[in-house]
C-alpha atoms as a PDB file:
ATOM      1  CA  MET A   1      11.398   5.561  -3.517  1.00  0.00           C
ATOM      2  CA  GLN A   2      14.858   5.402  -1.713  1.00  0.00           C
ATOM      3  CA  SER A   3      15.668   8.607  -3.520  1.00  0.00           C
ATOM      4  CA  HIS A   4      12.639  10.386  -1.976  1.00  0.00           C
ATOM      5  CA  LYS A   5      13.271   9.193   1.578  1.00  0.00           C
ATOM      6  CA  VAL A   6      14.194  12.624   2.932  1.00  0.00           C
ATOM      7  CA  GLU A   7      11.014  14.239   1.274  1.00  0.00           C
ATOM      8  CA  ILE A   8       8.835  11.376   2.659  1.00  0.00           C
ATOM      9  CA  LYS A   9      10.288  11.840   6.154  1.00  0.00           C
ATOM     10  CA  LEU A  10       9.782  15.566   6.021  1.00  0.00           C
ATOM     11  CA  PHE A  11       6.129  15.229   4.768  1.00  0.00           C
ATOM     12  CA  LEU A  12       5.239  12.632   7.591  1.00  0.00           C
ATOM     13  CA  THR A  13       6.793  14.829  10.257  1.00  0.00           C
ATOM     14  CA  GLN A  14       5.392  18.179   9.148  1.00  0.00           C
ATOM     15  CA  ASN A  15       1.834  16.764   8.464  1.00  0.00           C
ATOM     16  CA  PHE A  16       1.663  14.537  11.561  1.00  0.00           C
ATOM     17  CA  THR A  17       0.762  11.664   9.177  1.00  0.00           C
ATOM     18  CA  ASP A  18      -0.490   8.327  10.629  1.00  0.00           C
ATOM     19  CA  ILE A  19      -0.883   6.361   7.396  1.00  0.00           C
ATOM     20  CA  PHE A  20       0.777   7.039   4.129  1.00  0.00           C
ATOM     21  CA  LEU A  21      -0.049   5.161   0.843  1.00  0.00           C
ATOM     22  CA  ILE A  22       2.316   5.140  -2.114  1.00  0.00           C
ATOM     23  CA  SER A  23       1.803   3.764  -5.585  1.00  0.00           C
ATOM     24  CA  GLU A  24       4.236   2.962  -8.371  1.00  0.00           C
ATOM     25  CA  THR A  25       7.113   2.441  -5.916  1.00  0.00           C
ATOM     26  CA  HIS A  26       9.451   0.485  -8.340  1.00  0.00           C
ATOM     27  CA  PHE A  27      10.263  -1.874  -5.377  1.00  0.00           C
ATOM     28  CA  THR A  28      11.824  -5.299  -5.958  1.00  0.00           C
ATOM     29  CA  ASN A  29      12.580  -7.965  -3.378  1.00  0.00           C
ATOM     30  CA  LYS A  30      16.153  -6.484  -3.274  1.00  0.00           C
ATOM     31  CA  ASN A  31      14.935  -3.005  -2.025  1.00  0.00           C
ATOM     32  CA  TYR A  32      15.159  -1.912   1.606  1.00  0.00           C
ATOM     33  CA  PHE A  33      13.377   1.099   2.971  1.00  0.00           C
ATOM     34  CA  SER A  34      12.569   1.969   6.565  1.00  0.00           C
ATOM     35  CA  MET A  35      11.239   5.030   8.335  1.00  0.00           C
ATOM     36  CA  PRO A  36      11.637   5.589  12.084  1.00  0.00           C
ATOM     37  CA  ARG A  37       8.435   4.925  14.106  1.00  0.00           C
ATOM     38  CA  TYR A  38       6.607   3.474  11.038  1.00  0.00           C
ATOM     39  CA  THR A  39       5.924   0.038   9.814  1.00  0.00           C
ATOM     40  CA  LEU A  40       6.263  -0.605   6.154  1.00  0.00           C
ATOM     41  CA  TYR A  41       4.400  -3.182   3.976  1.00  0.00           C
ATOM     42  CA  TYR A  42       4.915  -3.509   0.296  1.00  0.00           C
ATOM     43  CA  THR A  43       3.918  -5.336  -2.780  1.00  0.00           C
ATOM     44  CA  SER A  44       6.203  -5.524  -5.838  1.00  0.00           C
ATOM     45  CA  HIS A  45       5.229  -6.186  -9.457  1.00  0.00           C
ATOM     46  CA  THR A  46       4.846  -9.862 -10.224  1.00  0.00           C
ATOM     47  CA  ASP A  47       7.731 -10.045 -12.603  1.00  0.00           C
ATOM     48  CA  GLY A  48      10.231  -8.856  -9.989  1.00  0.00           C
ATOM     49  CA  THR A  49      11.491  -5.931 -11.988  1.00  0.00           C
ATOM     50  CA  ALA A  50      11.620  -2.321 -10.698  1.00  0.00           C
ATOM     51  CA  HIS A  51       8.193  -1.017 -11.943  1.00  0.00           C
ATOM     52  CA  GLY A  52       4.739  -0.696 -10.408  1.00  0.00           C
ATOM     53  CA  GLY A  53       4.202  -1.737  -6.857  1.00  0.00           C
ATOM     54  CA  THR A  54       2.754  -0.274  -3.714  1.00  0.00           C
ATOM     55  CA  VAL A  55       3.630   0.741  -0.136  1.00  0.00           C
ATOM     56  CA  THR A  56       1.608   1.238   2.918  1.00  0.00           C
ATOM     57  CA  LEU A  57       3.469   3.035   5.823  1.00  0.00           C
ATOM     58  CA  ILE A  58       1.648   3.149   9.249  1.00  0.00           C
ATOM     59  CA  LYS A  59       2.691   4.423  12.650  1.00  0.00           C
ATOM     60  CA  GLU A  60       3.898   1.823  14.930  1.00  0.00           C
ATOM     61  CA  THR A  61       1.548   3.024  17.671  1.00  0.00           C
ATOM     62  CA  ILE A  62      -1.556   2.247  15.614  1.00  0.00           C
ATOM     63  CA  GLU A  63      -2.982  -1.243  16.220  1.00  0.00           C
ATOM     64  CA  HIS A  64      -3.069  -2.985  12.873  1.00  0.00           C
ATOM     65  CA  TYR A  65      -2.045  -5.995  10.936  1.00  0.00           C
ATOM     66  CA  GLU A  66      -1.120  -6.804   7.291  1.00  0.00           C
ATOM     67  CA  PHE A  67      -4.222  -8.080   5.471  1.00  0.00           C
ATOM     68  CA  LEU A  68      -3.794  -8.608   1.735  1.00  0.00           C
ATOM     69  CA  LYS A  69      -1.100  -8.360  -0.979  1.00  0.00           C
ATOM     70  CA  HIS A  70      -2.605  -8.390  -4.364  1.00  0.00           C
ATOM     71  CA  GLU A  71       0.005  -9.226  -6.962  1.00  0.00           C
ATOM     72  CA  GLU A  72      -1.120  -9.405 -10.567  1.00  0.00           C
ATOM     73  CA  ASP A  73       0.127  -7.586 -13.627  1.00  0.00           C
ATOM     74  CA  SER A  74      -2.992  -5.503 -13.821  1.00  0.00           C
ATOM     75  CA  ILE A  75      -3.334  -4.566 -10.093  1.00  0.00           C
ATOM     76  CA  GLN A  76      -0.775  -4.389  -7.286  1.00  0.00           C
ATOM     77  CA  ALA A  77      -2.037  -3.624  -3.822  1.00  0.00           C
ATOM     78  CA  THR A  78      -0.901  -3.596  -0.190  1.00  0.00           C
ATOM     79  CA  SER A  79      -3.660  -3.780   2.448  1.00  0.00           C
ATOM     80  CA  ILE A  80      -3.689  -3.437   6.216  1.00  0.00           C
ATOM     81  CA  LYS A  81      -6.493  -3.713   8.704  1.00  0.00           C
ATOM     82  CA  VAL A  82      -6.670  -1.050  11.342  1.00  0.00           C
ATOM     83  CA  LYS A  83      -8.308  -2.162  14.490  1.00  0.00           C
ATOM     84  CA  GLY A  84     -10.980   0.151  15.821  1.00  0.00           C
ATOM     85  CA  PHE A  85     -14.180   0.225  17.704  1.00  0.00           C
ATOM     86  CA  PRO A  86     -16.722  -1.101  16.739  1.00  0.00           C
ATOM     87  CA  TYR A  87     -15.102  -2.586  13.574  1.00  0.00           C
ATOM     88  CA  GLU A  88     -11.894  -2.862  11.594  1.00  0.00           C
ATOM     89  CA  ILE A  89     -11.243  -0.815   8.485  1.00  0.00           C
ATOM     90  CA  THR A  90      -9.170  -1.964   5.515  1.00  0.00           C
ATOM     91  CA  ILE A  91      -6.674   0.581   4.088  1.00  0.00           C
ATOM     92  CA  THR A  92      -5.118  -0.182   0.750  1.00  0.00           C
ATOM     93  CA  ALA A  93      -2.401   1.325  -1.468  1.00  0.00           C
ATOM     94  CA  VAL A  94      -3.219   0.275  -5.102  1.00  0.00           C
ATOM     95  CA  TYR A  95      -1.512   0.668  -8.448  1.00  0.00           C
ATOM     96  CA  CYS A  96      -3.187  -0.159 -11.738  1.00  0.00           C
ATOM     97  CA  PRO A  97      -0.777   0.143 -14.729  1.00  0.00           C
ATOM     98  CA  PRO A  98      -2.564   2.230 -17.434  1.00  0.00           C
ATOM     99  CA  ARG A  99      -1.728  -0.310 -20.180  1.00  0.00           C
ATOM    100  CA  HIS A 100      -4.327  -2.731 -18.766  1.00  0.00           C
ATOM    101  CA  ASN A 101      -7.860  -2.126 -19.835  1.00  0.00           C
ATOM    102  CA  LEU A 102      -9.587  -2.948 -16.464  1.00  0.00           C
ATOM    103  CA  LYS A 103     -13.344  -3.266 -16.451  1.00  0.00           C
ATOM    104  CA  LYS A 104     -15.846  -2.904 -13.680  1.00  0.00           C
ATOM    105  CA  LYS A 105     -15.863  -6.669 -13.077  1.00  0.00           C
ATOM    106  CA  ASN A 106     -12.114  -6.452 -12.308  1.00  0.00           C
ATOM    107  CA  PHE A 107     -12.632  -3.798  -9.689  1.00  0.00           C
ATOM    108  CA  ASP A 108     -15.818  -5.436  -8.215  1.00  0.00           C
ATOM    109  CA  THR A 109     -13.819  -8.689  -7.610  1.00  0.00           C
ATOM    110  CA  PHE A 110     -10.904  -6.746  -6.154  1.00  0.00           C
ATOM    111  CA  PHE A 111     -13.098  -4.643  -3.783  1.00  0.00           C
ATOM    112  CA  GLN A 112     -15.023  -7.774  -2.596  1.00  0.00           C
ATOM    113  CA  LYS A 113     -11.727  -9.058  -1.223  1.00  0.00           C
ATOM    114  CA  LEU A 114     -11.224  -5.806   0.842  1.00  0.00           C
ATOM    115  CA  GLY A 115     -14.511  -6.056   2.697  1.00  0.00           C
ATOM    116  CA  PRO A 116     -17.361  -3.568   3.312  1.00  0.00           C
ATOM    117  CA  LYS A 117     -15.278  -0.955   5.159  1.00  0.00           C
ATOM    118  CA  CYS A 118     -12.307   0.163   3.231  1.00  0.00           C
ATOM    119  CA  ILE A 119     -10.194   3.153   2.017  1.00  0.00           C
ATOM    120  CA  VAL A 120      -8.311   2.704  -1.273  1.00  0.00           C
END
């Protein structure tokens, strides 16, 4: 993702982007990435190596908080709750490696954790 920082910054600026979701980031706990005027939340793959993973970037001016990190081999997800009236909405970046044969039950369980109002 670091190698695409210029592209990401250009995209965010040109498109007046408030929230940006990225999957398959290849982040580890040793990575560092920042973007001016944005808060970054990330989830790495459970084995700590550079594959999979997700990132949620959100403008600092939007009222929000980090909600859920889902760290499993089969699903990695980074969620935030955006405060709004009359309710909060969950926004999630998710990555499901194709080698896992996920079933409806897996996704039902995952979506229940996100709540009734979500964008994934």
